[in-house]
Amino acid sequence: MEKNYQELLEQLMDEKIESLEITPKEFMVFQEIFMNFQHRKSIVGTAQRGGSIIYKREDKHTSE
């Protein structure tokens, strides 16, 4: 069963999940959806040893 990456990205933005791990096998399908995701610039991916990437919502720090 294929993951619903659009829904997972929305859950990440809504803070319903803390992170999203994408394996090398999933990456090409995920990347297409991620590049069209409205809030993609608010999500940061960190590469892991073995080729997986963990995506998290970027923390917003304000210096006012």
PDB file of N, CA and C in Angstrom:
ATOM      1  N   MET A   1       0.841  -1.192   0.000  1.00  0.00           N
ATOM      2  CA  MET A   1       0.000   0.000   0.000  1.00  0.00           C
ATOM      3  C   MET A   1       0.882   1.250   0.000  1.00  0.00           C
ATOM      4  N   GLU A   2       0.632   2.142  -0.929  1.00  0.00           N
ATOM      5  CA  GLU A   2       1.413   3.367  -1.044  1.00  0.00           C
ATOM      6  C   GLU A   2       0.945   4.397  -0.018  1.00  0.00           C
ATOM      7  N   LYS A   3       1.894   5.106   0.552  1.00  0.00           N
ATOM      8  CA  LYS A   3       1.572   6.143   1.528  1.00  0.00           C
ATOM      9  C   LYS A   3       0.933   7.338   0.835  1.00  0.00           C
ATOM     10  N   ASN A   4       0.060   8.022   1.573  1.00  0.00           N
ATOM     11  CA  ASN A   4      -0.541   9.258   1.073  1.00  0.00           C
ATOM     12  C   ASN A   4       0.363  10.411   1.541  1.00  0.00           C
ATOM     13  N   TYR A   5       1.338  10.761   0.711  1.00  0.00           N
ATOM     14  CA  TYR A   5       2.332  11.759   1.103  1.00  0.00           C
ATOM     15  C   TYR A   5       1.720  13.142   1.288  1.00  0.00           C
ATOM     16  N   GLN A   6       0.729  13.492   0.499  1.00  0.00           N
ATOM     17  CA  GLN A   6       0.057  14.784   0.643  1.00  0.00           C
ATOM     18  C   GLN A   6      -0.548  14.898   2.050  1.00  0.00           C
ATOM     19  N   GLU A   7      -1.243  13.862   2.466  1.00  0.00           N
ATOM     20  CA  GLU A   7      -1.866  13.852   3.791  1.00  0.00           C
ATOM     21  C   GLU A   7      -0.808  13.886   4.900  1.00  0.00           C
ATOM     22  N   LEU A   8       0.272  13.151   4.718  1.00  0.00           N
ATOM     23  CA  LEU A   8       1.342  13.144   5.714  1.00  0.00           C
ATOM     24  C   LEU A   8       2.006  14.518   5.827  1.00  0.00           C
ATOM     25  N   LEU A   9       2.207  15.193   4.710  1.00  0.00           N
ATOM     26  CA  LEU A   9       2.778  16.547   4.753  1.00  0.00           C
ATOM     27  C   LEU A   9       1.834  17.518   5.459  1.00  0.00           C
ATOM     28  N   GLU A  10       0.539  17.378   5.220  1.00  0.00           N
ATOM     29  CA  GLU A  10      -0.432  18.234   5.897  1.00  0.00           C
ATOM     30  C   GLU A  10      -0.445  17.958   7.397  1.00  0.00           C
ATOM     31  N   GLN A  11      -0.329  16.690   7.784  1.00  0.00           N
ATOM     32  CA  GLN A  11      -0.261  16.347   9.206  1.00  0.00           C
ATOM     33  C   GLN A  11       0.994  16.923   9.840  1.00  0.00           C
ATOM     34  N   LEU A  12       2.083  16.933   9.113  1.00  0.00           N
ATOM     35  CA  LEU A  12       3.328  17.518   9.595  1.00  0.00           C
ATOM     36  C   LEU A  12       3.158  19.021   9.824  1.00  0.00           C
ATOM     37  N   MET A  13       2.524  19.698   8.885  1.00  0.00           N
ATOM     38  CA  MET A  13       2.295  21.135   9.030  1.00  0.00           C
ATOM     39  C   MET A  13       1.331  21.451  10.167  1.00  0.00           C
ATOM     40  N   ASP A  14       0.357  20.582  10.395  1.00  0.00           N
ATOM     41  CA  ASP A  14      -0.631  20.780  11.468  1.00  0.00           C
ATOM     42  C   ASP A  14      -0.125  20.278  12.815  1.00  0.00           C
ATOM     43  N   GLU A  15       1.133  19.809  12.844  1.00  0.00           N
ATOM     44  CA  GLU A  15       1.777  19.286  14.051  1.00  0.00           C
ATOM     45  C   GLU A  15       1.051  18.075  14.634  1.00  0.00           C
ATOM     46  N   LYS A  16       0.384  17.319  13.762  1.00  0.00           N
ATOM     47  CA  LYS A  16      -0.240  16.062  14.190  1.00  0.00           C
ATOM     48  C   LYS A  16       0.804  14.950  14.239  1.00  0.00           C
ATOM     49  N   ILE A  17       1.865  15.107  13.435  1.00  0.00           N
ATOM     50  CA  ILE A  17       3.025  14.221  13.509  1.00  0.00           C
ATOM     51  C   ILE A  17       4.257  15.110  13.629  1.00  0.00           C
ATOM     52  N   GLU A  18       5.298  14.581  14.275  1.00  0.00           N
ATOM     53  CA  GLU A  18       6.509  15.359  14.518  1.00  0.00           C
ATOM     54  C   GLU A  18       7.484  15.317  13.351  1.00  0.00           C
ATOM     55  N   SER A  19       7.509  14.168  12.672  1.00  0.00           N
ATOM     56  CA  SER A  19       8.454  14.010  11.565  1.00  0.00           C
ATOM     57  C   SER A  19       7.918  12.989  10.568  1.00  0.00           C
ATOM     58  N   LEU A  20       8.563  12.969   9.419  1.00  0.00           N
ATOM     59  CA  LEU A  20       8.188  12.066   8.335  1.00  0.00           C
ATOM     60  C   LEU A  20       9.477  11.507   7.740  1.00  0.00           C
ATOM     61  N   GLU A  21       9.638  10.188   7.796  1.00  0.00           N
ATOM     62  CA  GLU A  21      10.843   9.562   7.258  1.00  0.00           C
ATOM     63  C   GLU A  21      10.546   8.981   5.877  1.00  0.00           C
ATOM     64  N   ILE A  22      11.391   9.331   4.922  1.00  0.00           N
ATOM     65  CA  ILE A  22      11.263   8.867   3.548  1.00  0.00           C
ATOM     66  C   ILE A  22      12.487   8.020   3.210  1.00  0.00           C
ATOM     67  N   THR A  23      12.236   6.819   2.724  1.00  0.00           N
ATOM     68  CA  THR A  23      13.329   5.921   2.351  1.00  0.00           C
ATOM     69  C   THR A  23      13.754   6.202   0.906  1.00  0.00           C
ATOM     70  N   PRO A  24      14.936   5.720   0.526  1.00  0.00           N
ATOM     71  CA  PRO A  24      15.360   5.910  -0.866  1.00  0.00           C
ATOM     72  C   PRO A  24      14.355   5.360  -1.882  1.00  0.00           C
ATOM     73  N   LYS A  25      13.695   4.245  -1.568  1.00  0.00           N
ATOM     74  CA  LYS A  25      12.714   3.659  -2.495  1.00  0.00           C
ATOM     75  C   LYS A  25      11.495   4.558  -2.674  1.00  0.00           C
ATOM     76  N   GLU A  26      11.137   5.315  -1.633  1.00  0.00           N
ATOM     77  CA  GLU A  26       9.955   6.181  -1.678  1.00  0.00           C
ATOM     78  C   GLU A  26      10.247   7.552  -2.286  1.00  0.00           C
ATOM     79  N   PHE A  27      11.520   7.914  -2.336  1.00  0.00           N
ATOM     80  CA  PHE A  27      11.886   9.303  -2.597  1.00  0.00           C
ATOM     81  C   PHE A  27      11.327   9.878  -3.894  1.00  0.00           C
ATOM     82  N   MET A  28      11.409   9.178  -4.989  1.00  0.00           N
ATOM     83  CA  MET A  28      10.978   9.754  -6.276  1.00  0.00           C
ATOM     84  C   MET A  28       9.487  10.065  -6.293  1.00  0.00           C
ATOM     85  N   VAL A  29       8.675   9.199  -5.722  1.00  0.00           N
ATOM     86  CA  VAL A  29       7.231   9.444  -5.658  1.00  0.00           C
ATOM     87  C   VAL A  29       6.958  10.601  -4.694  1.00  0.00           C
ATOM     88  N   PHE A  30       7.632  10.577  -3.525  1.00  0.00           N
ATOM     89  CA  PHE A  30       7.455  11.639  -2.532  1.00  0.00           C
ATOM     90  C   PHE A  30       7.889  12.994  -3.087  1.00  0.00           C
ATOM     91  N   GLN A  31       9.014  13.040  -3.767  1.00  0.00           N
ATOM     92  CA  GLN A  31       9.585  14.307  -4.248  1.00  0.00           C
ATOM     93  C   GLN A  31       8.622  15.067  -5.152  1.00  0.00           C
ATOM     94  N   GLU A  32       7.932  14.362  -6.017  1.00  0.00           N
ATOM     95  CA  GLU A  32       6.980  15.012  -6.915  1.00  0.00           C
ATOM     96  C   GLU A  32       5.862  15.696  -6.124  1.00  0.00           C
ATOM     97  N   ILE A  33       5.362  15.021  -5.110  1.00  0.00           N
ATOM     98  CA  ILE A  33       4.296  15.588  -4.278  1.00  0.00           C
ATOM     99  C   ILE A  33       4.844  16.729  -3.427  1.00  0.00           C
ATOM    100  N   PHE A  34       6.037  16.528  -2.872  1.00  0.00           N
ATOM    101  CA  PHE A  34       6.656  17.547  -2.028  1.00  0.00           C
ATOM    102  C   PHE A  34       6.905  18.844  -2.798  1.00  0.00           C
ATOM    103  N   MET A  35       7.375  18.757  -4.018  1.00  0.00           N
ATOM    104  CA  MET A  35       7.679  19.955  -4.803  1.00  0.00           C
ATOM    105  C   MET A  35       6.426  20.761  -5.141  1.00  0.00           C
ATOM    106  N   ASN A  36       5.267  20.124  -5.140  1.00  0.00           N
ATOM    107  CA  ASN A  36       4.003  20.813  -5.393  1.00  0.00           C
ATOM    108  C   ASN A  36       3.255  21.190  -4.118  1.00  0.00           C
ATOM    109  N   PHE A  37       3.834  20.872  -2.954  1.00  0.00           N
ATOM    110  CA  PHE A  37       3.189  21.145  -1.671  1.00  0.00           C
ATOM    111  C   PHE A  37       3.293  22.637  -1.360  1.00  0.00           C
ATOM    112  N   GLN A  38       2.177  23.228  -1.027  1.00  0.00           N
ATOM    113  CA  GLN A  38       2.095  24.680  -0.824  1.00  0.00           C
ATOM    114  C   GLN A  38       3.069  25.194   0.245  1.00  0.00           C
ATOM    115  N   HIS A  39       3.294  24.433   1.300  1.00  0.00           N
ATOM    116  CA  HIS A  39       4.106  24.903   2.432  1.00  0.00           C
ATOM    117  C   HIS A  39       5.478  24.238   2.481  1.00  0.00           C
ATOM    118  N   ARG A  40       5.982  23.800   1.341  1.00  0.00           N
ATOM    119  CA  ARG A  40       7.226  23.032   1.350  1.00  0.00           C
ATOM    120  C   ARG A  40       8.415  23.814   1.894  1.00  0.00           C
ATOM    121  N   LYS A  41       8.385  25.127   1.787  1.00  0.00           N
ATOM    122  CA  LYS A  41       9.509  25.927   2.286  1.00  0.00           C
ATOM    123  C   LYS A  41       9.529  25.999   3.808  1.00  0.00           C
ATOM    124  N   SER A  42       8.488  25.495   4.447  1.00  0.00           N
ATOM    125  CA  SER A  42       8.429  25.449   5.910  1.00  0.00           C
ATOM    126  C   SER A  42       8.856  24.089   6.446  1.00  0.00           C
ATOM    127  N   ILE A  43       9.291  23.205   5.562  1.00  0.00           N
ATOM    128  CA  ILE A  43       9.679  21.853   5.954  1.00  0.00           C
ATOM    129  C   ILE A  43      11.145  21.641   5.580  1.00  0.00           C
ATOM    130  N   VAL A  44      11.895  21.075   6.528  1.00  0.00           N
ATOM    131  CA  VAL A  44      13.320  20.845   6.331  1.00  0.00           C
ATOM    132  C   VAL A  44      13.599  19.356   6.380  1.00  0.00           C
ATOM    133  N   GLY A  45      14.376  18.877   5.414  1.00  0.00           N
ATOM    134  CA  GLY A  45      14.771  17.473   5.378  1.00  0.00           C
ATOM    135  C   GLY A  45      16.213  17.313   5.808  1.00  0.00           C
ATOM    136  N   THR A  46      16.465  16.279   6.615  1.00  0.00           N
ATOM    137  CA  THR A  46      17.815  15.981   7.081  1.00  0.00           C
ATOM    138  C   THR A  46      18.181  14.577   6.616  1.00  0.00           C
ATOM    139  N   ALA A  47      19.252  14.476   5.838  1.00  0.00           N
ATOM    140  CA  ALA A  47      19.691  13.177   5.317  1.00  0.00           C
ATOM    141  C   ALA A  47      20.248  12.320   6.444  1.00  0.00           C
ATOM    142  N   GLN A  48      19.941  11.039   6.361  1.00  0.00           N
ATOM    143  CA  GLN A  48      20.406  10.072   7.340  1.00  0.00           C
ATOM    144  C   GLN A  48      21.367   9.102   6.672  1.00  0.00           C
ATOM    145  N   ARG A  49      22.173   8.467   7.467  1.00  0.00           N
ATOM    146  CA  ARG A  49      23.057   7.428   6.954  1.00  0.00           C
ATOM    147  C   ARG A  49      22.184   6.313   6.376  1.00  0.00           C
ATOM    148  N   GLY A  50      22.481   5.854   5.192  1.00  0.00           N
ATOM    149  CA  GLY A  50      21.698   4.814   4.542  1.00  0.00           C
ATOM    150  C   GLY A  50      20.742   5.360   3.495  1.00  0.00           C
ATOM    151  N   GLY A  51      20.639   6.698   3.395  1.00  0.00           N
ATOM    152  CA  GLY A  51      19.851   7.290   2.324  1.00  0.00           C
ATOM    153  C   GLY A  51      18.471   7.786   2.692  1.00  0.00           C
ATOM    154  N   SER A  52      18.002   7.488   3.894  1.00  0.00           N
ATOM    155  CA  SER A  52      16.690   8.001   4.315  1.00  0.00           C
ATOM    156  C   SER A  52      16.785   9.495   4.605  1.00  0.00           C
ATOM    157  N   ILE A  53      15.645  10.165   4.527  1.00  0.00           N
ATOM    158  CA  ILE A  53      15.569  11.582   4.846  1.00  0.00           C
ATOM    159  C   ILE A  53      14.444  11.762   5.850  1.00  0.00           C
ATOM    160  N   ILE A  54      14.719  12.513   6.914  1.00  0.00           N
ATOM    161  CA  ILE A  54      13.696  12.814   7.906  1.00  0.00           C
ATOM    162  C   ILE A  54      13.285  14.268   7.714  1.00  0.00           C
ATOM    163  N   TYR A  55      11.996  14.463   7.440  1.00  0.00           N
ATOM    164  CA  TYR A  55      11.445  15.794   7.230  1.00  0.00           C
ATOM    165  C   TYR A  55      10.740  16.244   8.498  1.00  0.00           C
ATOM    166  N   LYS A  56      10.992  17.501   8.879  1.00  0.00           N
ATOM    167  CA  LYS A  56      10.357  18.100  10.047  1.00  0.00           C
ATOM    168  C   LYS A  56       9.918  19.508   9.692  1.00  0.00           C
ATOM    169  N   ARG A  57       8.932  19.978  10.417  1.00  0.00           N
ATOM    170  CA  ARG A  57       8.494  21.357  10.251  1.00  0.00           C
ATOM    171  C   ARG A  57       9.585  22.265  10.801  1.00  0.00           C
ATOM    172  N   GLU A  58       9.918  23.290  10.048  1.00  0.00           N
ATOM    173  CA  GLU A  58      10.968  24.211  10.459  1.00  0.00           C
ATOM    174  C   GLU A  58      10.478  25.073  11.615  1.00  0.00           C
ATOM    175  N   ASP A  59      11.313  25.181  12.647  1.00  0.00           N
ATOM    176  CA  ASP A  59      10.976  26.050  13.778  1.00  0.00           C
ATOM    177  C   ASP A  59      11.131  27.497  13.350  1.00  0.00           C
ATOM    178  N   LYS A  60      10.164  28.302  13.725  1.00  0.00           N
ATOM    179  CA  LYS A  60      10.228  29.727  13.416  1.00  0.00           C
ATOM    180  C   LYS A  60      10.746  30.466  14.647  1.00  0.00           C
ATOM    181  N   HIS A  61      11.900  31.102  14.490  1.00  0.00           N
ATOM    182  CA  HIS A  61      12.474  31.889  15.575  1.00  0.00           C
ATOM    183  C   HIS A  61      12.343  33.361  15.211  1.00  0.00           C
ATOM    184  N   THR A  62      11.729  34.109  16.083  1.00  0.00           N
ATOM    185  CA  THR A  62      11.596  35.540  15.828  1.00  0.00           C
ATOM    186  C   THR A  62      12.523  36.290  16.772  1.00  0.00           C
ATOM    187  N   SER A  63      13.150  37.314  16.279  1.00  0.00           N
ATOM    188  CA  SER A  63      14.066  38.114  17.097  1.00  0.00           C
ATOM    189  C   SER A  63      13.557  39.543  17.157  1.00  0.00           C
ATOM    190  N   GLU A  64      12.465  39.705  17.881  1.00  0.00           N
ATOM    191  CA  GLU A  64      11.873  41.046  17.993  1.00  0.00           C
ATOM    192  C   GLU A  64      12.146  41.611  19.351  1.00  0.00           C
TER     193      GLU A  64
END
